[in-house]
Amino acid sequence: MTLIAKEVFLTKGIGRHKEKLASFEEALRDANIASFNLVHVSSILPPNCKLVSKQKGLEKLKPGQILHCVMSRNSVNENHRLISASIGTAIPKDRNHYGYISEHHSFGETDEQTGEYAEDLSALMLSTIQGIEFAQDTTWDQKEEIWKMSGKIVKTTNITQSAIGMSEVWTTVVAAAVFVF
């Protein structure tokens, strides 16, 4: 049996608790995926896999179901420490070809910084299999222009969650791309 997802949705969440594992559970609840058995997978967006809204994706799922997802996660229990978790996607123009999903987590970066990095990473991975090449010192803006001009990458996007840590409490952030079969 071949399992190839037909749809994928993006979600994010934040959780806080005195126990690290419980803060992760709270983040999954906030992302609306705590009631599922999550299987972490790598970075391939299947050919012809449609990006749908979280609501539309969740409507097709049942509690306890095994879900395959690409997940980014970060935790901290330090006061005033900024953490983030992000998922970036790169969708090829030729939808019969696969795309990429990247996960990135960081300390001290804003939502925008972390999200752009995750998006850039997925586009970079897609560009390497599409024959788009750059010099090592090519800037983000130059890469973006080269991708647009190539016509091979149609869309990039990200979902990012950040939070500021608190002392004596674990703070966890998650971002995920969840596959629907």
Protein backbone atom coordinates (compact mmCIF):
# COMPACT_ATOMS: atom_id res chain seq x y z
CA MET A 1 0.00 0.00 0.00
CA THR A 2 1.31 3.43 -0.98
CA LEU A 3 0.54 6.35 1.32
CA ILE A 4 0.69 9.69 -0.46
CA ALA A 5 -1.02 12.67 1.12
CA LYS A 6 -3.59 14.53 -0.97
CA GLU A 7 -3.74 17.55 1.36
CA VAL A 8 -1.64 19.30 3.98
CA PHE A 9 -2.47 22.03 6.48
CA LEU A 10 -0.28 24.27 8.61
CA THR A 11 -0.80 24.90 12.30
CA LYS A 12 0.99 26.43 15.27
CA GLY A 13 0.66 26.64 19.03
CA ILE A 14 2.13 27.75 22.33
CA GLY A 15 1.99 26.08 25.73
CA ARG A 16 3.12 26.93 29.24
CA HIS A 17 3.39 24.61 32.25
CA LYS A 18 5.74 23.86 35.14
CA GLU A 19 6.53 20.50 33.48
CA LYS A 20 8.29 20.51 30.10
CA LEU A 21 6.25 17.64 28.63
CA ALA A 22 2.99 19.23 29.78
CA SER A 23 3.97 22.52 28.11
CA PHE A 24 4.47 20.57 24.86
CA GLU A 25 1.02 19.01 25.30
CA GLU A 26 -0.45 22.48 25.82
CA ALA A 27 1.24 23.71 22.63
CA LEU A 28 -0.23 20.75 20.71
CA ARG A 29 -3.67 21.57 22.15
CA ASP A 30 -3.30 25.18 21.07
CA ALA A 31 -2.40 23.93 17.57
CA ASN A 32 -5.47 21.60 17.64
CA ILE A 33 -3.42 18.43 17.10
CA ALA A 34 -3.08 17.04 20.64
CA SER A 35 -5.81 14.41 20.14
CA PHE A 36 -3.85 12.60 17.41
CA ASN A 37 -0.90 10.21 17.35
CA LEU A 38 1.81 12.20 15.59
CA VAL A 39 4.46 10.60 13.44
CA HIS A 40 7.27 12.94 12.48
CA VAL A 41 8.37 12.69 8.86
CA SER A 42 10.95 14.49 6.75
CA SER A 43 10.62 17.28 4.26
CA ILE A 44 8.83 16.21 1.07
CA LEU A 45 5.60 17.86 -0.05
CA PRO A 46 4.03 15.16 -2.28
CA PRO A 47 3.21 15.91 -5.92
CA ASN A 48 -0.28 17.40 -6.34
CA CYS A 49 -0.68 17.76 -2.55
CA LYS A 50 -3.01 20.70 -1.92
CA LEU A 51 -2.40 23.21 0.89
CA VAL A 52 -5.74 23.57 2.72
CA SER A 53 -6.91 25.58 5.71
CA LYS A 54 -6.43 24.13 9.18
CA GLN A 55 -10.20 23.98 9.64
CA LYS A 56 -10.73 22.04 6.41
CA GLY A 57 -7.94 19.60 7.29
CA LEU A 58 -9.16 19.02 10.85
CA GLU A 59 -12.70 18.27 9.63
CA LYS A 60 -11.38 15.12 7.93
CA LEU A 61 -9.63 13.72 11.02
CA LYS A 62 -10.71 11.61 14.00
CA PRO A 63 -9.24 11.65 17.54
CA GLY A 64 -6.64 8.92 18.00
CA GLN A 65 -5.84 8.84 14.30
CA ILE A 66 -2.19 8.47 13.28
CA LEU A 67 -1.06 11.67 11.59
CA HIS A 68 2.13 12.19 9.65
CA CYS A 69 3.58 15.66 10.09
CA VAL A 70 6.68 17.77 9.70
CA MET A 71 7.09 19.53 13.05
CA SER A 72 9.29 22.23 14.49
CA ARG A 73 9.42 22.57 18.27
CA ASN A 74 11.30 24.66 20.82
CA SER A 75 11.14 24.98 24.61
CA VAL A 76 12.64 27.22 27.27
CA ASN A 77 12.30 27.87 31.00
CA GLU A 78 14.42 31.03 31.11
CA ASN A 79 12.85 34.39 31.86
CA HIS A 80 12.64 36.78 28.88
CA ARG A 81 14.23 34.37 26.37
CA LEU A 82 12.63 34.58 22.94
CA ILE A 83 12.01 31.24 21.19
CA SER A 84 10.39 30.36 17.90
CA ALA A 85 9.41 27.40 15.74
CA SER A 86 8.57 27.58 12.04
CA ILE A 87 7.55 25.50 9.05
CA GLY A 88 8.35 26.74 5.55
CA THR A 89 6.97 25.35 2.29
CA ALA A 90 8.07 25.62 -1.33
CA ILE A 91 5.61 24.51 -4.00
CA PRO A 92 6.89 23.88 -7.53
CA LYS A 93 5.14 25.34 -10.57
CA ASP A 94 4.86 21.82 -12.01
CA ARG A 95 2.47 20.30 -9.43
CA ASN A 96 3.33 16.81 -10.71
CA HIS A 97 6.74 17.32 -9.11
CA TYR A 98 7.29 17.20 -5.36
CA GLY A 99 8.00 20.27 -3.24
CA TYR A 100 9.69 20.82 0.10
CA ILE A 101 8.75 21.50 3.68
CA SER A 102 11.39 22.75 6.10
CA GLU A 103 11.39 23.04 9.86
CA HIS A 104 13.41 25.61 11.77
CA HIS A 105 13.54 26.60 15.43
CA SER A 106 15.60 29.35 17.00
CA PHE A 107 16.39 31.50 19.99
CA GLY A 108 16.31 35.30 19.83
CA GLU A 109 14.62 35.57 16.43
CA THR A 110 11.28 37.23 15.72
CA ASP A 111 8.40 35.50 13.91
CA GLU A 112 9.39 37.29 10.72
CA GLN A 113 13.07 36.30 10.92
CA THR A 114 12.36 32.66 11.74
CA GLY A 115 9.58 32.38 9.16
CA GLU A 116 11.67 33.90 6.39
CA TYR A 117 14.53 31.54 7.20
CA ALA A 118 12.25 28.46 7.11
CA GLU A 119 10.69 29.63 3.85
CA ASP A 120 14.12 30.34 2.36
CA LEU A 121 15.35 26.90 3.42
CA SER A 122 12.46 25.09 1.72
CA ALA A 123 12.90 27.15 -1.45
CA LEU A 124 16.64 26.45 -1.40
CA MET A 125 16.05 22.69 -1.12
CA LEU A 126 13.53 22.81 -3.98
CA SER A 127 15.83 24.93 -6.14
CA THR A 128 18.70 22.43 -5.82
CA ILE A 129 16.65 19.68 -7.48
CA GLN A 130 15.28 22.07 -10.10
CA GLY A 131 18.71 23.07 -11.37
CA ILE A 132 18.63 26.61 -9.99
CA GLU A 133 22.11 27.51 -8.77
CA PHE A 134 23.62 30.47 -6.93
CA ALA A 135 27.00 31.57 -5.68
CA GLN A 136 27.74 30.96 -1.98
CA ASP A 137 27.49 34.68 -1.17
CA THR A 138 24.12 35.26 -2.89
CA THR A 139 21.83 37.29 -0.62
CA TRP A 140 18.23 36.35 0.24
CA ASP A 141 16.88 39.10 -2.03
CA GLN A 142 19.04 37.92 -4.92
CA LYS A 143 17.95 34.29 -4.41
CA GLU A 144 14.30 35.33 -4.31
CA GLU A 145 14.70 37.22 -7.58
CA ILE A 146 16.45 34.23 -9.22
CA TRP A 147 13.63 31.90 -8.04
CA LYS A 148 10.96 34.24 -9.41
CA MET A 149 12.78 34.61 -12.72
CA SER A 150 13.24 30.84 -13.08
CA GLY A 151 9.47 30.30 -13.02
CA LYS A 152 10.03 26.91 -11.36
CA ILE A 153 8.91 27.82 -7.82
CA VAL A 154 5.34 29.08 -7.74
CA LYS A 155 4.77 29.69 -4.04
CA THR A 156 6.55 29.77 -0.71
CA THR A 157 4.91 30.30 2.65
CA ASN A 158 5.52 29.74 6.35
CA ILE A 159 3.77 29.41 9.67
CA THR A 160 5.66 30.53 12.75
CA GLN A 161 5.05 30.65 16.49
CA SER A 162 7.23 32.59 18.90
CA ALA A 163 7.01 33.26 22.61
CA ILE A 164 8.98 34.82 25.44
CA GLY A 165 10.00 32.44 28.20
CA MET A 166 9.17 32.82 31.87
CA SER A 167 11.17 31.71 34.88
CA GLU A 168 9.99 28.57 36.70
CA VAL A 169 7.60 27.73 33.83
CA TRP A 170 8.34 25.85 30.63
CA THR A 171 7.25 27.59 27.46
CA THR A 172 6.97 25.47 24.30
CA VAL A 173 6.20 26.57 20.75
CA VAL A 174 5.29 24.27 17.85
CA ALA A 175 4.65 24.67 14.16
CA ALA A 176 3.57 21.77 11.96
CA ALA A 177 2.60 20.74 8.46
CA VAL A 178 0.03 17.97 8.91
CA PHE A 179 -0.71 15.53 6.09
CA VAL A 180 -4.26 14.42 5.29
CA PHE A 181 -4.75 11.16 3.35
